[in-house]
Amino acid sequence: MRAQFVLSEIGVGLRRNLTMTFAVIVSVALSLALFGGSLLMSDQVSTMKGYWYDKVNVSIFLCNKSDAESDPNCAKGAVTEDQKKEILADLDKMSVVEKVTYESQDQAYKHYKEQFGDSPLAASLTPDQMQESYRIKLKDPEKYQVIATAFDGRDGVQSVQDQKGILDNLFELLNGMNWAARAVMALMLVVALMLIVNTVRVSAFSRRRETGIMRLVGASGFYIQAPFIMEAAVAGLIGGTVACGFLVIARYFIIDHGLALSEKLTLINFIGWDAVLKYLPLILMTSFLMPALAAFFALRKYLKV
């Protein structure tokens, strides 16, 4: 009988404050969708880091004849065969080096044509203008500075470049976007909490006569508070369910039937469905507990029981 009464009161409260209930559902849905999206974006950045850092190379570019005429680092002339052998021997001795791959001028020219064959500059380049290089895979990508210190400025070396530095700029941009999404999420959560508190206050005020009668007949504080708390919790849970739906739809259409099918993004390792599904219970639990706790503390101040 008591459970039936609480459920009926929840229904009455939700219908009586329909517009505010709808506002609570929408704000909770948007804030938790952003919350889930920021978690998934963090996972995506971590996945991309693991995927790309494993493929990061440090490149030692060697001086060619053109560099000898224009680049101060190659003032002593183009690299010689003895210098190349010495560089390779020193690389083989270094414990941080996992693998060394040599790229000739012809190979560099071929790779350039494959990647930038449509550019006007590609038509004017010749193989002798390309640089020979050693592509070094490190056991730990963080140890780039060891290679740079050992070979930067050496005779025959034009430059030492770390691909990780380029990737770091990309990941910093993605992390910045993620933090911006979290800031919007925090703002939306504050708005949702304010709406929940106001909804509970209005609901409590509109039923002050009923609660007064319940106090007079000896009803417990929890028995009086329960309908109001559950109203907020149910509205929040509906919003959380909508947020979960947003994330599932976004994963399906944006990644599965969008980005993953793009020929230009074939080298990006996207997060799977397991990453989405593991956060759905957290979102639903948050959507239920957050409004319930907000309503509980609001009732302590605005409902004298």
Protein backbone atom coordinates (compact mmCIF):
# COMPACT_ATOMS: atom_id res chain seq x y z
CA MET A 1 0.00 0.00 0.00
CA ARG A 2 2.78 2.42 0.89
CA ALA A 3 4.72 1.61 -2.29
CA GLN A 4 1.57 2.17 -4.33
CA PHE A 5 1.07 5.54 -2.63
CA VAL A 6 4.66 6.62 -3.35
CA LEU A 7 4.35 5.60 -7.01
CA SER A 8 1.06 7.46 -7.41
CA GLU A 9 2.60 10.56 -5.83
CA ILE A 10 5.55 10.35 -8.23
CA GLY A 11 3.17 10.27 -11.19
CA VAL A 12 1.17 13.20 -9.83
CA GLY A 13 4.31 15.24 -9.23
CA LEU A 14 5.75 14.61 -12.69
CA ARG A 15 2.48 15.55 -14.39
CA ARG A 16 1.90 18.60 -12.19
CA ASN A 17 5.32 20.09 -13.05
CA LEU A 18 5.46 18.79 -16.60
CA THR A 19 7.40 21.68 -18.16
CA MET A 20 10.04 21.75 -15.42
CA THR A 21 10.28 17.96 -15.52
CA PHE A 22 10.90 18.16 -19.26
CA ALA A 23 13.59 20.82 -18.68
CA VAL A 24 15.27 18.55 -16.12
CA ILE A 25 15.22 15.60 -18.54
CA VAL A 26 16.72 17.66 -21.37
CA SER A 27 19.44 19.28 -19.25
CA VAL A 28 20.42 15.95 -17.62
CA ALA A 29 20.47 14.27 -21.05
CA LEU A 30 22.69 16.92 -22.61
CA SER A 31 25.08 17.17 -19.66
CA LEU A 32 25.51 13.41 -19.35
CA ALA A 33 25.84 13.00 -23.11
CA LEU A 34 28.71 15.50 -22.96
CA PHE A 35 30.08 13.63 -19.94
CA GLY A 36 30.03 10.33 -21.83
CA GLY A 37 31.40 12.00 -24.94
CA SER A 38 34.35 13.44 -23.02
CA LEU A 39 35.12 10.00 -21.54
CA LEU A 40 34.97 8.42 -24.99
CA MET A 41 37.16 11.16 -26.44
CA SER A 42 39.76 10.51 -23.74
CA ASP A 43 39.68 6.82 -24.67
CA GLN A 44 40.01 7.71 -28.35
CA VAL A 45 43.07 9.89 -27.70
CA SER A 46 44.64 7.13 -25.60
CA THR A 47 43.91 4.57 -28.32
CA MET A 48 45.43 6.81 -30.99
CA LYS A 49 48.49 7.46 -28.82
CA GLY A 50 49.07 3.75 -28.31
CA TYR A 51 48.55 3.07 -32.02
CA TRP A 52 50.71 5.88 -33.39
CA TYR A 53 53.45 6.00 -30.78
CA ASP A 54 54.10 2.36 -31.56
CA LYS A 55 54.79 3.42 -35.16
CA VAL A 56 56.78 6.57 -34.38
CA ASN A 57 60.17 6.86 -36.06
CA VAL A 58 63.08 9.19 -35.46
CA SER A 59 64.52 10.26 -38.78
CA ILE A 60 68.15 11.21 -39.36
CA PHE A 61 68.23 13.14 -42.64
CA LEU A 62 71.58 13.14 -44.42
CA CYS A 63 73.07 16.01 -46.38
CA ASN A 64 72.85 15.95 -50.17
CA LYS A 65 74.56 18.16 -52.76
CA SER A 66 71.77 20.75 -52.68
CA ASP A 67 71.96 21.00 -48.90
CA ALA A 68 75.72 21.51 -49.09
CA GLU A 69 75.12 24.70 -51.08
CA SER A 70 72.30 26.17 -48.99
CA ASP A 71 72.11 24.61 -45.50
CA PRO A 72 74.58 25.70 -42.75
CA ASN A 73 74.31 22.24 -41.17
CA CYS A 74 75.78 20.77 -44.35
CA ALA A 75 78.58 23.30 -44.83
CA LYS A 76 81.18 20.48 -44.97
CA GLY A 77 79.51 18.92 -47.98
CA ALA A 78 77.21 16.01 -48.80
CA VAL A 79 77.37 12.89 -46.68
CA THR A 80 80.04 10.37 -47.61
CA GLU A 81 79.87 6.58 -47.60
CA ASP A 82 82.23 6.44 -44.62
CA GLN A 83 80.04 8.84 -42.65
CA LYS A 84 76.93 6.76 -43.41
CA LYS A 85 78.68 3.59 -42.23
CA GLU A 86 79.83 5.35 -39.06
CA ILE A 87 76.32 6.63 -38.29
CA LEU A 88 74.81 3.19 -38.85
CA ALA A 89 77.46 1.52 -36.68
CA ASP A 90 76.80 3.98 -33.84
CA LEU A 91 73.03 3.38 -34.13
CA ASP A 92 73.52 -0.38 -33.90
CA LYS A 93 75.40 0.10 -30.63
CA MET A 94 72.64 2.11 -28.95
CA SER A 95 70.44 0.16 -26.54
CA VAL A 96 67.39 2.44 -27.13
CA VAL A 97 67.27 1.53 -30.83
CA GLU A 98 64.97 -1.32 -31.84
CA LYS A 99 65.28 -1.17 -35.63
CA VAL A 100 67.04 0.96 -38.25
CA THR A 101 65.79 1.32 -41.84
CA TYR A 102 67.78 3.06 -44.56
CA GLU A 103 65.90 5.10 -47.17
CA SER A 104 67.80 6.04 -50.34
CA GLN A 105 67.18 9.11 -52.48
CA ASP A 106 65.29 7.02 -55.06
CA GLN A 107 63.08 5.50 -52.36
CA ALA A 108 62.44 8.93 -50.81
CA TYR A 109 61.50 10.30 -54.26
CA LYS A 110 59.13 7.37 -54.87
CA HIS A 111 57.42 7.83 -51.49
CA TYR A 112 57.09 11.56 -52.08
CA LYS A 113 55.48 10.99 -55.47
CA GLU A 114 53.03 8.51 -53.93
CA GLN A 115 51.95 10.98 -51.26
CA PHE A 116 52.18 14.35 -53.05
CA GLY A 117 52.13 13.42 -56.73
CA ASP A 118 49.33 15.91 -57.45
CA SER A 119 51.18 18.95 -56.08
CA PRO A 120 52.92 21.36 -58.49
CA LEU A 121 56.20 20.98 -56.57
CA ALA A 122 56.34 17.22 -57.22
CA ALA A 123 56.73 17.79 -60.99
CA SER A 124 59.88 19.88 -60.49
CA LEU A 125 61.68 17.55 -58.06
CA THR A 126 64.30 15.01 -59.09
CA PRO A 127 65.65 12.05 -57.06
CA ASP A 128 69.03 13.74 -56.45
CA GLN A 129 67.25 16.57 -54.63
CA MET A 130 65.80 14.16 -52.07
CA GLN A 131 67.59 13.28 -48.84
CA GLU A 132 68.86 9.91 -47.77
CA SER A 133 67.80 9.06 -44.27
CA TYR A 134 67.87 6.53 -41.48
CA ARG A 135 64.43 5.77 -40.00
CA ILE A 136 64.86 4.60 -36.40
CA LYS A 137 62.24 2.80 -34.36
CA LEU A 138 62.90 3.26 -30.66
CA LYS A 139 62.10 0.80 -27.90
CA ASP A 140 60.75 3.77 -25.95
CA PRO A 141 59.47 6.74 -28.05
CA GLU A 142 60.19 9.05 -25.10
CA LYS A 143 63.96 8.52 -25.58
CA TYR A 144 64.12 10.64 -28.74
CA GLN A 145 66.51 13.10 -27.11
CA VAL A 146 69.18 10.38 -26.87
CA ILE A 147 69.29 10.15 -30.68
CA ALA A 148 69.11 13.91 -31.14
CA THR A 149 72.03 14.52 -28.76
CA ALA A 150 74.18 11.85 -30.40
CA PHE A 151 73.67 12.82 -34.05
CA ASP A 152 72.44 16.40 -34.30
CA GLY A 153 75.24 18.55 -35.73
CA ARG A 154 77.38 15.61 -36.83
CA ASP A 155 79.16 15.83 -40.18
CA GLY A 156 76.88 14.60 -42.95
CA VAL A 157 73.69 14.99 -40.86
CA GLN A 158 71.28 17.66 -42.03
CA SER A 159 68.72 17.25 -39.21
CA VAL A 160 67.24 14.85 -36.69
CA GLN A 161 63.44 14.85 -36.59
CA ASP A 162 61.09 13.19 -34.14
CA GLN A 163 57.65 12.29 -35.50
CA LYS A 164 56.39 12.08 -31.92
CA GLY A 165 56.65 15.87 -31.68
CA ILE A 166 54.23 16.26 -34.58
CA LEU A 167 51.81 13.79 -33.01
CA ASP A 168 52.06 15.53 -29.63
CA ASN A 169 50.74 18.75 -31.20
CA LEU A 170 47.74 16.85 -32.56
CA PHE A 171 47.06 15.16 -29.22
CA GLU A 172 47.36 18.47 -27.37
CA LEU A 173 44.70 19.90 -29.70
CA LEU A 174 42.42 16.90 -29.10
CA ASN A 175 42.95 17.13 -25.33
CA GLY A 176 42.14 20.85 -25.46
CA MET A 177 38.88 20.11 -27.25
CA ASN A 178 38.14 17.43 -24.66
CA TRP A 179 38.64 19.85 -21.77
CA ALA A 180 36.39 22.39 -23.51
CA ALA A 181 33.68 19.71 -23.75
CA ARG A 182 34.14 18.97 -20.04
CA ALA A 183 33.75 22.66 -19.18
CA VAL A 184 30.45 22.78 -21.09
CA MET A 185 29.43 19.54 -19.40
CA ALA A 186 30.12 21.03 -15.95
CA LEU A 187 28.04 24.10 -16.81
CA MET A 188 25.17 21.89 -18.00
CA LEU A 189 25.37 19.82 -14.80
CA VAL A 190 25.06 22.98 -12.71
CA VAL A 191 22.03 24.04 -14.76
CA ALA A 192 20.52 20.56 -14.34
CA LEU A 193 21.05 20.63 -10.55
CA MET A 194 19.46 24.09 -10.28
CA LEU A 195 16.46 22.90 -12.27
CA ILE A 196 16.13 19.81 -10.08
CA VAL A 197 16.22 21.89 -6.90
CA ASN A 198 13.64 24.34 -8.24
CA THR A 199 11.41 21.52 -9.46
CA VAL A 200 11.49 19.89 -6.01
CA ARG A 201 10.74 23.21 -4.33
CA VAL A 202 7.75 23.88 -6.57
CA SER A 203 6.49 20.35 -6.11
CA ALA A 204 6.85 20.57 -2.31
CA PHE A 205 5.09 23.94 -2.22
CA SER A 206 2.19 22.74 -4.37
CA ARG A 207 1.62 19.81 -2.01
CA ARG A 208 2.25 21.57 1.29
CA ARG A 209 -1.29 20.78 2.54
CA GLU A 210 -0.84 17.04 1.89
CA THR A 211 2.54 16.98 3.63
CA GLY A 212 1.10 18.93 6.56
CA ILE A 213 -1.65 16.35 7.01
CA MET A 214 0.90 13.53 6.76
CA ARG A 215 2.98 15.13 9.53
CA LEU A 216 -0.08 15.43 11.75
CA VAL A 217 -0.91 11.73 11.39
CA GLY A 218 2.65 10.77 12.28
CA ALA A 219 4.18 9.94 8.90
CA SER A 220 7.97 9.58 8.99
CA GLY A 221 10.27 12.11 7.35
CA PHE A 222 11.51 9.63 4.79
CA TYR A 223 7.93 8.60 3.90
CA ILE A 224 7.09 12.25 3.17
CA GLN A 225 10.32 12.92 1.28
CA ALA A 226 10.34 9.73 -0.81
CA PRO A 227 7.90 10.85 -3.55
CA PHE A 228 9.80 14.09 -4.13
CA ILE A 229 13.18 12.34 -4.24
CA MET A 230 11.89 9.66 -6.59
CA GLU A 231 10.33 12.26 -8.89
CA ALA A 232 13.74 13.84 -9.40
CA ALA A 233 15.43 10.45 -9.71
CA VAL A 234 12.94 9.21 -12.32
CA ALA A 235 13.26 12.40 -14.37
CA GLY A 236 17.05 12.13 -14.17
CA LEU A 237 16.97 8.46 -15.14
CA ILE A 238 14.90 9.29 -18.21
CA GLY A 239 17.48 11.95 -19.11
CA GLY A 240 20.30 9.44 -18.56
CA THR A 241 18.58 6.94 -20.84
CA VAL A 242 18.29 9.62 -23.52
CA ALA A 243 22.01 10.44 -23.05
CA CYS A 244 22.91 6.77 -23.54
CA GLY A 245 20.81 6.76 -26.69
CA PHE A 246 22.71 9.82 -27.96
CA LEU A 247 26.06 8.09 -27.43
CA VAL A 248 24.97 4.84 -29.12
CA ILE A 249 23.50 6.71 -32.10
CA ALA A 250 26.59 8.92 -32.37
CA ARG A 251 28.91 5.89 -32.29
CA TYR A 252 26.84 4.10 -34.94
CA PHE A 253 26.41 6.94 -37.41
CA ILE A 254 29.52 9.10 -36.86
CA ILE A 255 32.11 6.31 -36.60
CA ASP A 256 30.67 3.07 -38.03
CA HIS A 257 28.86 4.72 -40.95
CA GLY A 258 30.94 7.88 -41.23
CA LEU A 259 34.57 8.29 -40.23
CA ALA A 260 35.47 4.59 -40.36
CA LEU A 261 34.35 4.42 -44.01
CA SER A 262 36.40 7.44 -45.09
CA GLU A 263 39.38 6.54 -47.26
CA LYS A 264 41.32 9.47 -45.77
CA LEU A 265 41.01 8.13 -42.21
CA THR A 266 41.95 4.50 -42.74
CA LEU A 267 45.05 4.87 -40.55
CA ILE A 268 43.10 5.99 -37.49
CA ASN A 269 42.32 3.27 -34.97
CA PHE A 270 38.84 4.16 -33.66
CA ILE A 271 37.45 3.04 -30.31
CA GLY A 272 35.14 0.02 -30.39
CA TRP A 273 31.66 -0.64 -29.04
CA ASP A 274 33.17 -2.01 -25.82
CA ALA A 275 34.37 1.51 -24.95
CA VAL A 276 30.82 2.85 -25.34
CA LEU A 277 29.07 0.03 -23.50
CA LYS A 278 31.34 0.18 -20.45
CA TYR A 279 30.27 3.80 -19.75
CA LEU A 280 26.51 3.35 -20.16
CA PRO A 281 25.97 1.87 -16.64
CA LEU A 282 27.99 4.75 -15.14
CA ILE A 283 25.85 7.32 -16.96
CA LEU A 284 22.61 5.65 -15.86
CA MET A 285 23.77 5.39 -12.25
CA THR A 286 24.84 9.05 -12.26
CA SER A 287 21.54 10.13 -13.81
CA PHE A 288 19.65 8.39 -10.98
CA LEU A 289 21.82 9.29 -7.98
CA MET A 290 22.64 12.91 -8.88
CA PRO A 291 19.01 14.16 -8.96
CA ALA A 292 18.08 12.00 -5.96
CA LEU A 293 20.86 13.50 -3.83
CA ALA A 294 20.10 17.03 -5.07
CA ALA A 295 16.44 16.56 -4.16
CA PHE A 296 17.32 15.10 -0.75
CA PHE A 297 19.46 18.11 0.24
CA ALA A 298 16.93 20.56 -1.24
CA LEU A 299 14.15 18.97 0.82
CA ARG A 300 16.16 19.29 4.03
CA LYS A 301 16.20 23.04 3.53
CA TYR A 302 12.84 23.74 1.94
CA LEU A 303 10.57 21.00 3.34
CA LYS A 304 10.15 20.98 7.09
CA VAL A 305 9.55 17.38 8.09
